[in-house]
Amino acid sequence: MIDVSITKNGDDFIRVTTSGHALFDESGRDVVCAGVSVLVINTINSMERLTSSNPEVDSNQEEGFIDCIINKPSEECNLLMKSMILGLEEIQKSYSDDYLQINIKEV
């Protein structure tokens, strides 16, 4: 299962971490894993290229691990994160909680 943990401080998103694999299908054919990866990686790339956020990113592809700290939260970053969450929730609805868990916590 893929676990996506999102951390907020007030209205600002400050971190997103993913870990695990969906195991919906074999490697290379797993549409849940691919969908989650595309959403998360595109969101991080968009923050890096389209905002002044300058996120810190650590990853390990074999473990399905991505950790992104959003150093300078902004309205643009928050909108990108909300869009990512919307996409993740749609994947979760379509394929069930057995493959994807989304946890949003406040600090």
N, C-alpha and C. Protein backbone atom coordinates (compact mmCIF):
# COMPACT_ATOMS: atom_id res chain seq x y z
N MET A 1 0.84 -1.17 0.00
CA MET A 1 0.00 0.00 0.00
C MET A 1 0.89 1.25 0.00
N ILE A 2 0.41 2.28 -0.69
CA ILE A 2 1.10 3.56 -0.70
C ILE A 2 0.49 4.42 0.41
N ASP A 3 1.36 5.00 1.23
CA ASP A 3 0.93 5.92 2.27
C ASP A 3 1.40 7.31 1.87
N VAL A 4 0.46 8.24 1.78
CA VAL A 4 0.80 9.63 1.49
C VAL A 4 0.47 10.44 2.74
N SER A 5 1.49 11.06 3.31
CA SER A 5 1.31 11.91 4.49
C SER A 5 1.56 13.35 4.09
N ILE A 6 0.59 14.18 4.40
CA ILE A 6 0.65 15.60 4.06
C ILE A 6 0.58 16.39 5.36
N THR A 7 1.48 17.34 5.52
CA THR A 7 1.52 18.14 6.74
C THR A 7 1.19 19.58 6.42
N LYS A 8 0.31 20.15 7.26
CA LYS A 8 -0.10 21.55 7.12
C LYS A 8 0.27 22.32 8.39
N ASN A 9 0.53 23.60 8.20
CA ASN A 9 0.70 24.52 9.31
C ASN A 9 -0.26 25.67 9.05
N GLY A 10 -1.39 25.67 9.71
CA GLY A 10 -2.43 26.64 9.41
C GLY A 10 -3.00 26.34 8.03
N ASP A 11 -3.02 27.34 7.16
CA ASP A 11 -3.52 27.15 5.80
C ASP A 11 -2.45 26.66 4.83
N ASP A 12 -1.20 26.62 5.28
CA ASP A 12 -0.09 26.28 4.39
C ASP A 12 0.30 24.81 4.45
N PHE A 13 0.50 24.22 3.29
CA PHE A 13 1.06 22.88 3.19
C PHE A 13 2.57 23.02 3.31
N ILE A 14 3.18 22.20 4.19
CA ILE A 14 4.62 22.34 4.42
C ILE A 14 5.42 21.07 4.11
N ARG A 15 4.72 19.94 3.89
CA ARG A 15 5.45 18.70 3.61
C ARG A 15 4.53 17.67 3.00
N VAL A 16 5.10 16.88 2.10
CA VAL A 16 4.40 15.70 1.58
C VAL A 16 5.41 14.56 1.55
N THR A 17 4.98 13.41 2.06
CA THR A 17 5.83 12.23 2.09
C THR A 17 5.04 11.04 1.57
N THR A 18 5.63 10.27 0.67
CA THR A 18 5.01 9.04 0.20
C THR A 18 5.94 7.88 0.54
N SER A 19 5.33 6.73 0.82
CA SER A 19 6.14 5.53 1.05
C SER A 19 5.33 4.31 0.64
N GLY A 20 6.03 3.32 0.16
CA GLY A 20 5.42 2.05 -0.19
C GLY A 20 5.03 1.94 -1.65
N HIS A 21 4.49 0.78 -1.97
CA HIS A 21 4.02 0.47 -3.33
C HIS A 21 2.59 -0.02 -3.24
N ALA A 22 1.80 0.28 -4.24
CA ALA A 22 0.38 -0.09 -4.23
C ALA A 22 0.18 -1.60 -4.31
N LEU A 23 1.00 -2.28 -5.11
CA LEU A 23 0.87 -3.72 -5.34
C LEU A 23 -0.49 -4.06 -5.95
N PHE A 24 -1.02 -3.13 -6.72
CA PHE A 24 -2.27 -3.35 -7.45
C PHE A 24 -2.05 -4.34 -8.59
N ASP A 25 -0.87 -4.27 -9.20
CA ASP A 25 -0.50 -5.14 -10.32
C ASP A 25 1.02 -5.29 -10.28
N GLU A 26 1.55 -6.06 -11.19
CA GLU A 26 3.00 -6.27 -11.24
C GLU A 26 3.72 -4.98 -11.61
N SER A 27 4.99 -4.90 -11.25
CA SER A 27 5.80 -3.73 -11.54
C SER A 27 5.77 -3.42 -13.03
N GLY A 28 5.59 -2.17 -13.36
CA GLY A 28 5.49 -1.76 -14.76
C GLY A 28 4.08 -1.75 -15.29
N ARG A 29 3.15 -2.37 -14.56
CA ARG A 29 1.74 -2.42 -14.97
C ARG A 29 0.80 -1.87 -13.90
N ASP A 30 1.38 -1.37 -12.82
CA ASP A 30 0.61 -0.93 -11.67
C ASP A 30 0.11 0.50 -11.89
N VAL A 31 -1.15 0.62 -12.30
CA VAL A 31 -1.71 1.94 -12.62
C VAL A 31 -1.90 2.81 -11.38
N VAL A 32 -2.12 2.21 -10.22
CA VAL A 32 -2.26 3.00 -9.00
C VAL A 32 -0.93 3.63 -8.65
N CYS A 33 0.12 2.84 -8.66
CA CYS A 33 1.46 3.35 -8.36
C CYS A 33 1.87 4.43 -9.36
N ALA A 34 1.60 4.18 -10.62
CA ALA A 34 1.96 5.15 -11.66
C ALA A 34 1.19 6.45 -11.48
N GLY A 35 -0.10 6.36 -11.20
CA GLY A 35 -0.91 7.56 -11.02
C GLY A 35 -0.46 8.39 -9.84
N VAL A 36 -0.21 7.73 -8.71
CA VAL A 36 0.26 8.44 -7.52
C VAL A 36 1.61 9.09 -7.79
N SER A 37 2.51 8.34 -8.41
CA SER A 37 3.84 8.87 -8.72
C SER A 37 3.76 10.10 -9.61
N VAL A 38 2.96 10.03 -10.64
CA VAL A 38 2.84 11.17 -11.56
C VAL A 38 2.30 12.39 -10.84
N LEU A 39 1.26 12.22 -10.04
CA LEU A 39 0.69 13.36 -9.33
C LEU A 39 1.69 14.00 -8.38
N VAL A 40 2.36 13.18 -7.58
CA VAL A 40 3.28 13.72 -6.58
C VAL A 40 4.50 14.35 -7.24
N ILE A 41 5.11 13.65 -8.19
CA ILE A 41 6.31 14.17 -8.84
C ILE A 41 5.99 15.43 -9.65
N ASN A 42 4.87 15.45 -10.35
CA ASN A 42 4.51 16.65 -11.11
C ASN A 42 4.25 17.84 -10.18
N THR A 43 3.63 17.59 -9.04
CA THR A 43 3.39 18.67 -8.08
C THR A 43 4.71 19.25 -7.58
N ILE A 44 5.65 18.38 -7.24
CA ILE A 44 6.96 18.84 -6.76
C ILE A 44 7.69 19.59 -7.87
N ASN A 45 7.70 19.03 -9.08
CA ASN A 45 8.36 19.71 -10.21
C ASN A 45 7.73 21.07 -10.47
N SER A 46 6.41 21.16 -10.37
CA SER A 46 5.71 22.42 -10.59
C SER A 46 6.10 23.44 -9.53
N MET A 47 6.19 23.00 -8.27
CA MET A 47 6.62 23.92 -7.21
C MET A 47 8.04 24.43 -7.46
N GLU A 48 8.91 23.53 -7.92
CA GLU A 48 10.31 23.91 -8.19
C GLU A 48 10.41 24.91 -9.34
N ARG A 49 9.64 24.70 -10.37
CA ARG A 49 9.78 25.50 -11.59
C ARG A 49 8.85 26.70 -11.68
N LEU A 50 7.71 26.63 -11.01
CA LEU A 50 6.70 27.68 -11.19
C LEU A 50 6.49 28.57 -9.97
N THR A 51 7.16 28.25 -8.86
CA THR A 51 7.03 29.07 -7.65
C THR A 51 8.42 29.37 -7.09
N SER A 52 8.48 30.18 -6.07
CA SER A 52 9.76 30.48 -5.41
C SER A 52 9.95 29.62 -4.16
N SER A 53 9.24 28.52 -4.09
CA SER A 53 9.22 27.66 -2.90
C SER A 53 10.56 27.00 -2.60
N ASN A 54 11.28 26.58 -3.61
CA ASN A 54 12.55 25.87 -3.45
C ASN A 54 12.44 24.68 -2.50
N PRO A 55 11.59 23.69 -2.83
CA PRO A 55 11.40 22.55 -1.92
C PRO A 55 12.66 21.68 -1.81
N GLU A 56 12.82 21.07 -0.64
CA GLU A 56 13.89 20.09 -0.41
C GLU A 56 13.29 18.71 -0.66
N VAL A 57 13.92 17.92 -1.53
CA VAL A 57 13.36 16.62 -1.90
C VAL A 57 14.38 15.52 -1.68
N ASP A 58 13.90 14.43 -1.08
CA ASP A 58 14.69 13.22 -0.91
C ASP A 58 13.83 12.08 -1.45
N SER A 59 14.44 11.12 -2.12
CA SER A 59 13.64 10.02 -2.67
C SER A 59 14.45 8.74 -2.79
N ASN A 60 13.72 7.63 -2.82
CA ASN A 60 14.28 6.31 -3.06
C ASN A 60 13.25 5.53 -3.86
N GLN A 61 13.49 5.39 -5.15
CA GLN A 61 12.52 4.78 -6.06
C GLN A 61 12.17 3.34 -5.68
N GLU A 62 13.16 2.57 -5.28
CA GLU A 62 12.91 1.16 -4.94
C GLU A 62 11.94 1.02 -3.77
N GLU A 63 12.01 1.94 -2.83
CA GLU A 63 11.15 1.89 -1.66
C GLU A 63 9.85 2.67 -1.86
N GLY A 64 9.72 3.34 -3.00
CA GLY A 64 8.54 4.17 -3.23
C GLY A 64 8.50 5.36 -2.29
N PHE A 65 9.67 5.87 -1.95
CA PHE A 65 9.78 6.94 -0.95
C PHE A 65 10.06 8.28 -1.61
N ILE A 66 9.26 9.27 -1.25
CA ILE A 66 9.52 10.66 -1.64
C ILE A 66 9.20 11.51 -0.42
N ASP A 67 10.10 12.41 -0.09
CA ASP A 67 9.87 13.34 1.01
C ASP A 67 10.17 14.73 0.49
N CYS A 68 9.18 15.61 0.57
CA CYS A 68 9.32 16.97 0.07
C CYS A 68 8.94 17.96 1.16
N ILE A 69 9.90 18.79 1.53
CA ILE A 69 9.67 19.86 2.50
C ILE A 69 9.51 21.16 1.70
N ILE A 70 8.39 21.83 1.90
CA ILE A 70 8.10 23.08 1.19
C ILE A 70 8.62 24.23 2.05
N ASN A 71 9.77 24.77 1.67
CA ASN A 71 10.45 25.77 2.48
C ASN A 71 9.74 27.11 2.54
N LYS A 72 9.16 27.50 1.45
CA LYS A 72 8.49 28.80 1.39
C LYS A 72 7.06 28.60 0.90
N PRO A 73 6.17 28.18 1.80
CA PRO A 73 4.78 27.97 1.37
C PRO A 73 4.20 29.26 0.78
N SER A 74 3.35 29.08 -0.21
CA SER A 74 2.73 30.23 -0.87
C SER A 74 1.35 29.82 -1.36
N GLU A 75 0.58 30.80 -1.82
CA GLU A 75 -0.73 30.49 -2.39
C GLU A 75 -0.60 29.55 -3.58
N GLU A 76 0.44 29.77 -4.38
CA GLU A 76 0.65 28.91 -5.56
C GLU A 76 0.94 27.47 -5.13
N CYS A 77 1.81 27.30 -4.15
CA CYS A 77 2.13 25.95 -3.66
C CYS A 77 0.89 25.29 -3.07
N ASN A 78 0.12 26.07 -2.31
CA ASN A 78 -1.09 25.52 -1.70
C ASN A 78 -2.08 25.06 -2.77
N LEU A 79 -2.21 25.83 -3.85
CA LEU A 79 -3.11 25.44 -4.94
C LEU A 79 -2.61 24.15 -5.61
N LEU A 80 -1.31 24.06 -5.85
CA LEU A 80 -0.75 22.85 -6.45
C LEU A 80 -0.98 21.64 -5.53
N MET A 81 -0.79 21.82 -4.24
CA MET A 81 -1.01 20.72 -3.29
C MET A 81 -2.48 20.32 -3.25
N LYS A 82 -3.39 21.28 -3.27
CA LYS A 82 -4.83 20.95 -3.28
C LYS A 82 -5.19 20.17 -4.53
N SER A 83 -4.60 20.54 -5.65
CA SER A 83 -4.84 19.82 -6.91
C SER A 83 -4.32 18.39 -6.81
N MET A 84 -3.12 18.22 -6.23
CA MET A 84 -2.56 16.88 -6.05
C MET A 84 -3.47 16.04 -5.15
N ILE A 85 -3.94 16.62 -4.05
CA ILE A 85 -4.82 15.89 -3.13
C ILE A 85 -6.10 15.48 -3.83
N LEU A 86 -6.67 16.36 -4.63
CA LEU A 86 -7.88 16.04 -5.39
C LEU A 86 -7.64 14.81 -6.27
N GLY A 87 -6.53 14.79 -6.99
CA GLY A 87 -6.20 13.64 -7.84
C GLY A 87 -5.98 12.37 -7.04
N LEU A 88 -5.28 12.48 -5.92
CA LEU A 88 -5.04 11.31 -5.06
C LEU A 88 -6.35 10.76 -4.51
N GLU A 89 -7.24 11.64 -4.07
CA GLU A 89 -8.53 11.18 -3.55
C GLU A 89 -9.35 10.47 -4.63
N GLU A 90 -9.26 10.92 -5.86
CA GLU A 90 -9.98 10.25 -6.96
C GLU A 90 -9.40 8.86 -7.22
N ILE A 91 -8.08 8.73 -7.14
CA ILE A 91 -7.46 7.41 -7.28
C ILE A 91 -7.92 6.51 -6.14
N GLN A 92 -7.93 7.03 -4.93
CA GLN A 92 -8.36 6.26 -3.77
C GLN A 92 -9.81 5.79 -3.92
N LYS A 93 -10.69 6.66 -4.40
CA LYS A 93 -12.09 6.29 -4.62
C LYS A 93 -12.22 5.20 -5.68
N SER A 94 -11.43 5.30 -6.72
CA SER A 94 -11.52 4.36 -7.84
C SER A 94 -10.95 2.99 -7.53
N TYR A 95 -9.89 2.94 -6.69
CA TYR A 95 -9.18 1.68 -6.48
C TYR A 95 -9.21 1.18 -5.04
N SER A 96 -9.75 1.91 -4.11
CA SER A 96 -9.97 1.54 -2.71
C SER A 96 -8.81 1.88 -1.79
N ASP A 97 -9.14 1.85 -0.51
CA ASP A 97 -8.17 2.13 0.54
C ASP A 97 -7.13 1.03 0.67
N ASP A 98 -7.33 -0.10 0.00
CA ASP A 98 -6.37 -1.19 0.08
C ASP A 98 -5.04 -0.84 -0.60
N TYR A 99 -5.06 0.14 -1.49
CA TYR A 99 -3.87 0.47 -2.28
C TYR A 99 -3.29 1.84 -1.96
N LEU A 100 -4.10 2.75 -1.38
CA LEU A 100 -3.66 4.12 -1.15
C LEU A 100 -4.32 4.68 0.11
N GLN A 101 -3.49 5.18 1.01
CA GLN A 101 -3.97 5.88 2.19
C GLN A 101 -3.45 7.31 2.14
N ILE A 102 -4.31 8.26 2.43
CA ILE A 102 -3.95 9.67 2.45
C ILE A 102 -4.19 10.20 3.86
N ASN A 103 -3.16 10.75 4.47
CA ASN A 103 -3.26 11.28 5.82
C ASN A 103 -2.82 12.74 5.81
N ILE A 104 -3.71 13.62 6.25
CA ILE A 104 -3.40 15.05 6.34
C ILE A 104 -3.38 15.42 7.81
N LYS A 105 -2.24 15.95 8.26
CA LYS A 105 -2.12 16.31 9.67
C LYS A 105 -1.74 17.77 9.82
N GLU A 106 -2.14 18.34 10.92
CA GLU A 106 -1.88 19.73 11.25
C GLU A 106 -0.79 19.79 12.33
N VAL A 107 0.16 20.70 12.17
CA VAL A 107 1.19 20.90 13.21
C VAL A 107 1.14 22.30 13.75
